[in-house]
Amino acid sequence: MAERTVFDLFGFADKVGGEEEVREKFWRTAKKAARHVPFMEDVVAAYYCVLDANTPLRAKGILIAALGYFVLPVDAIPDVIFGLGFTDDIAVLSAAIAAVRTHITPAHKAAAKDALAEDA
């Protein structure tokens, strides 16, 4: 039996593609948004929180929904609109991160800091 991903658990793995595709889309969008999202380190820490087997499913579900909204091209305000494109993403991400902040550990934050430092 093939290994199930967290995206399979929530029933939308077929909509977002395989895990490799999701990772690629996340990093591509994160790099593009880094200048516009003032708390990018928290967003990347949330990404690592989703990948952590110790994160409760409820917290993963909240973060997956927010990160999915951030990554997927269908948006309330298209990301290509200069100055406004990421405002809806920022609102969704900040609400999700605030809701599950206790599950984002120092290890997630350290991994995010390291990942962003590599891309700088």
C-alpha atoms as a PDB file:
ATOM      1  CA  MET A   1       0.000   0.000   0.000  1.00  0.00           C
ATOM      2  CA  ALA A   2       1.346   3.421  -0.934  1.00  0.00           C
ATOM      3  CA  GLU A   3       2.201   5.856   1.830  1.00  0.00           C
ATOM      4  CA  ARG A   4      -0.548   8.400   2.455  1.00  0.00           C
ATOM      5  CA  THR A   5       0.286  12.074   2.762  1.00  0.00           C
ATOM      6  CA  VAL A   6      -1.398  14.660   4.944  1.00  0.00           C
ATOM      7  CA  PHE A   7      -3.157  15.892   1.789  1.00  0.00           C
ATOM      8  CA  ASP A   8      -4.731  12.444   1.344  1.00  0.00           C
ATOM      9  CA  LEU A   9      -6.092  12.589   4.886  1.00  0.00           C
ATOM     10  CA  PHE A  10      -8.075  15.700   4.108  1.00  0.00           C
ATOM     11  CA  GLY A  11      -9.312  14.409   0.753  1.00  0.00           C
ATOM     12  CA  PHE A  12      -7.823  16.901  -1.647  1.00  0.00           C
ATOM     13  CA  ALA A  13      -4.527  15.368  -2.699  1.00  0.00           C
ATOM     14  CA  ASP A  14      -5.956  14.869  -6.183  1.00  0.00           C
ATOM     15  CA  LYS A  15      -6.813  18.580  -6.399  1.00  0.00           C
ATOM     16  CA  VAL A  16      -3.415  19.933  -5.418  1.00  0.00           C
ATOM     17  CA  GLY A  17      -1.288  17.282  -7.079  1.00  0.00           C
ATOM     18  CA  GLY A  18       1.333  15.025  -5.608  1.00  0.00           C
ATOM     19  CA  GLU A  19       3.392  15.925  -2.585  1.00  0.00           C
ATOM     20  CA  GLU A  20       6.352  16.936  -4.753  1.00  0.00           C
ATOM     21  CA  GLU A  21       4.129  19.273  -6.781  1.00  0.00           C
ATOM     22  CA  VAL A  22       2.693  20.817  -3.606  1.00  0.00           C
ATOM     23  CA  ARG A  23       6.179  21.421  -2.219  1.00  0.00           C
ATOM     24  CA  GLU A  24       7.299  22.979  -5.509  1.00  0.00           C
ATOM     25  CA  LYS A  25       4.238  25.256  -5.660  1.00  0.00           C
ATOM     26  CA  PHE A  26       4.688  26.274  -2.036  1.00  0.00           C
ATOM     27  CA  TRP A  27       8.326  27.275  -2.461  1.00  0.00           C
ATOM     28  CA  ARG A  28       7.676  29.051  -5.775  1.00  0.00           C
ATOM     29  CA  THR A  29       4.830  31.070  -4.234  1.00  0.00           C
ATOM     30  CA  ALA A  30       6.791  31.698  -1.026  1.00  0.00           C
ATOM     31  CA  LYS A  31       9.723  33.136  -2.954  1.00  0.00           C
ATOM     32  CA  LYS A  32       7.402  35.321  -5.015  1.00  0.00           C
ATOM     33  CA  ALA A  33       5.528  36.547  -1.931  1.00  0.00           C
ATOM     34  CA  ALA A  34       8.520  37.035   0.371  1.00  0.00           C
ATOM     35  CA  ARG A  35       8.707  40.773  -0.350  1.00  0.00           C
ATOM     36  CA  HIS A  36       4.963  41.246   0.243  1.00  0.00           C
ATOM     37  CA  VAL A  37       4.282  39.070   3.291  1.00  0.00           C
ATOM     38  CA  PRO A  38       5.892  40.641   6.374  1.00  0.00           C
ATOM     39  CA  PHE A  39       5.693  37.416   8.404  1.00  0.00           C
ATOM     40  CA  MET A  40       7.073  34.997   5.811  1.00  0.00           C
ATOM     41  CA  GLU A  41       9.085  33.162   8.446  1.00  0.00           C
ATOM     42  CA  ASP A  42       5.815  32.283  10.231  1.00  0.00           C
ATOM     43  CA  VAL A  43       4.303  31.075   6.949  1.00  0.00           C
ATOM     44  CA  VAL A  44       7.255  28.772   6.295  1.00  0.00           C
ATOM     45  CA  ALA A  45       7.149  27.588   9.934  1.00  0.00           C
ATOM     46  CA  ALA A  46       3.455  26.756   9.385  1.00  0.00           C
ATOM     47  CA  TYR A  47       4.481  24.716   6.339  1.00  0.00           C
ATOM     48  CA  TYR A  48       6.927  22.727   8.469  1.00  0.00           C
ATOM     49  CA  CYS A  49       4.259  22.353  11.156  1.00  0.00           C
ATOM     50  CA  VAL A  50       1.969  20.661   8.600  1.00  0.00           C
ATOM     51  CA  LEU A  51       4.726  18.201   7.699  1.00  0.00           C
ATOM     52  CA  ASP A  52       5.350  17.310  11.362  1.00  0.00           C
ATOM     53  CA  ALA A  53       3.801  13.979  12.382  1.00  0.00           C
ATOM     54  CA  ASN A  54       3.298  15.326  15.934  1.00  0.00           C
ATOM     55  CA  THR A  55       0.997  18.158  14.826  1.00  0.00           C
ATOM     56  CA  PRO A  56      -2.667  17.394  15.611  1.00  0.00           C
ATOM     57  CA  LEU A  57      -4.950  16.824  12.600  1.00  0.00           C
ATOM     58  CA  ARG A  58      -7.146  19.823  13.451  1.00  0.00           C
ATOM     59  CA  ALA A  59      -4.137  22.161  13.358  1.00  0.00           C
ATOM     60  CA  LYS A  60      -2.907  20.538  10.146  1.00  0.00           C
ATOM     61  CA  GLY A  61      -6.336  21.002   8.565  1.00  0.00           C
ATOM     62  CA  ILE A  62      -6.417  24.711   9.402  1.00  0.00           C
ATOM     63  CA  LEU A  63      -2.898  25.255   8.109  1.00  0.00           C
ATOM     64  CA  ILE A  64      -3.411  23.167   4.969  1.00  0.00           C
ATOM     65  CA  ALA A  65      -6.482  25.200   4.077  1.00  0.00           C
ATOM     66  CA  ALA A  66      -4.603  28.480   4.546  1.00  0.00           C
ATOM     67  CA  LEU A  67      -1.458  27.300   2.771  1.00  0.00           C
ATOM     68  CA  GLY A  68      -3.591  25.870  -0.032  1.00  0.00           C
ATOM     69  CA  TYR A  69      -5.258  29.256  -0.484  1.00  0.00           C
ATOM     70  CA  PHE A  70      -1.801  30.847  -0.534  1.00  0.00           C
ATOM     71  CA  VAL A  71      -0.439  28.405  -3.142  1.00  0.00           C
ATOM     72  CA  LEU A  72      -3.383  27.869  -5.475  1.00  0.00           C
ATOM     73  CA  PRO A  73      -3.790  30.411  -8.273  1.00  0.00           C
ATOM     74  CA  VAL A  74      -7.547  30.868  -7.719  1.00  0.00           C
ATOM     75  CA  ASP A  75      -7.824  33.791  -5.353  1.00  0.00           C
ATOM     76  CA  ALA A  76     -10.263  36.472  -4.198  1.00  0.00           C
ATOM     77  CA  ILE A  77      -7.664  39.045  -5.251  1.00  0.00           C
ATOM     78  CA  PRO A  78      -5.274  37.746  -7.942  1.00  0.00           C
ATOM     79  CA  ASP A  79      -1.667  37.753  -6.741  1.00  0.00           C
ATOM     80  CA  VAL A  80      -0.469  39.508  -9.909  1.00  0.00           C
ATOM     81  CA  ILE A  81      -2.184  42.772  -8.902  1.00  0.00           C
ATOM     82  CA  PHE A  82       0.712  44.859  -7.605  1.00  0.00           C
ATOM     83  CA  GLY A  83       0.222  46.091  -4.055  1.00  0.00           C
ATOM     84  CA  LEU A  84      -3.043  44.237  -3.456  1.00  0.00           C
ATOM     85  CA  GLY A  85      -2.418  40.729  -4.708  1.00  0.00           C
ATOM     86  CA  PHE A  86      -1.250  39.190  -1.459  1.00  0.00           C
ATOM     87  CA  THR A  87      -3.521  41.108   0.944  1.00  0.00           C
ATOM     88  CA  ASP A  88      -6.171  38.386   1.022  1.00  0.00           C
ATOM     89  CA  ASP A  89      -3.475  35.722   1.402  1.00  0.00           C
ATOM     90  CA  ILE A  90      -1.984  37.659   4.323  1.00  0.00           C
ATOM     91  CA  ALA A  91      -5.375  37.833   6.053  1.00  0.00           C
ATOM     92  CA  VAL A  92      -6.049  34.105   5.644  1.00  0.00           C
ATOM     93  CA  LEU A  93      -2.531  33.082   6.679  1.00  0.00           C
ATOM     94  CA  SER A  94      -2.408  35.356   9.716  1.00  0.00           C
ATOM     95  CA  ALA A  95      -5.789  34.065  10.968  1.00  0.00           C
ATOM     96  CA  ALA A  96      -4.727  30.428  10.503  1.00  0.00           C
ATOM     97  CA  ILE A  97      -1.344  30.935  12.157  1.00  0.00           C
ATOM     98  CA  ALA A  98      -2.973  32.739  15.089  1.00  0.00           C
ATOM     99  CA  ALA A  99      -5.447  29.860  15.500  1.00  0.00           C
ATOM    100  CA  VAL A 100      -2.734  27.195  15.762  1.00  0.00           C
ATOM    101  CA  ARG A 101       0.211  29.198  17.074  1.00  0.00           C
ATOM    102  CA  THR A 102       0.722  26.820  20.024  1.00  0.00           C
ATOM    103  CA  HIS A 103       1.467  23.967  17.604  1.00  0.00           C
ATOM    104  CA  ILE A 104       4.182  25.860  15.721  1.00  0.00           C
ATOM    105  CA  THR A 105       7.253  24.809  17.658  1.00  0.00           C
ATOM    106  CA  PRO A 106      10.706  26.370  17.964  1.00  0.00           C
ATOM    107  CA  ALA A 107      11.961  23.545  15.698  1.00  0.00           C
ATOM    108  CA  HIS A 108       9.500  24.616  12.972  1.00  0.00           C
ATOM    109  CA  LYS A 109      10.640  28.221  13.357  1.00  0.00           C
ATOM    110  CA  ALA A 110      14.315  27.237  13.188  1.00  0.00           C
ATOM    111  CA  ALA A 111      13.717  25.173  10.039  1.00  0.00           C
ATOM    112  CA  ALA A 112      11.882  28.128   8.491  1.00  0.00           C
ATOM    113  CA  LYS A 113      14.702  30.517   9.349  1.00  0.00           C
ATOM    114  CA  ASP A 114      17.251  28.125   7.833  1.00  0.00           C
ATOM    115  CA  ALA A 115      15.171  27.608   4.677  1.00  0.00           C
ATOM    116  CA  LEU A 116      14.706  31.325   4.137  1.00  0.00           C
ATOM    117  CA  ALA A 117      18.397  31.988   4.770  1.00  0.00           C
ATOM    118  CA  GLU A 118      19.285  29.471   2.025  1.00  0.00           C
ATOM    119  CA  ASP A 119      17.115  31.347  -0.468  1.00  0.00           C
ATOM    120  CA  ALA A 120      18.467  34.781   0.460  1.00  0.00           C
END
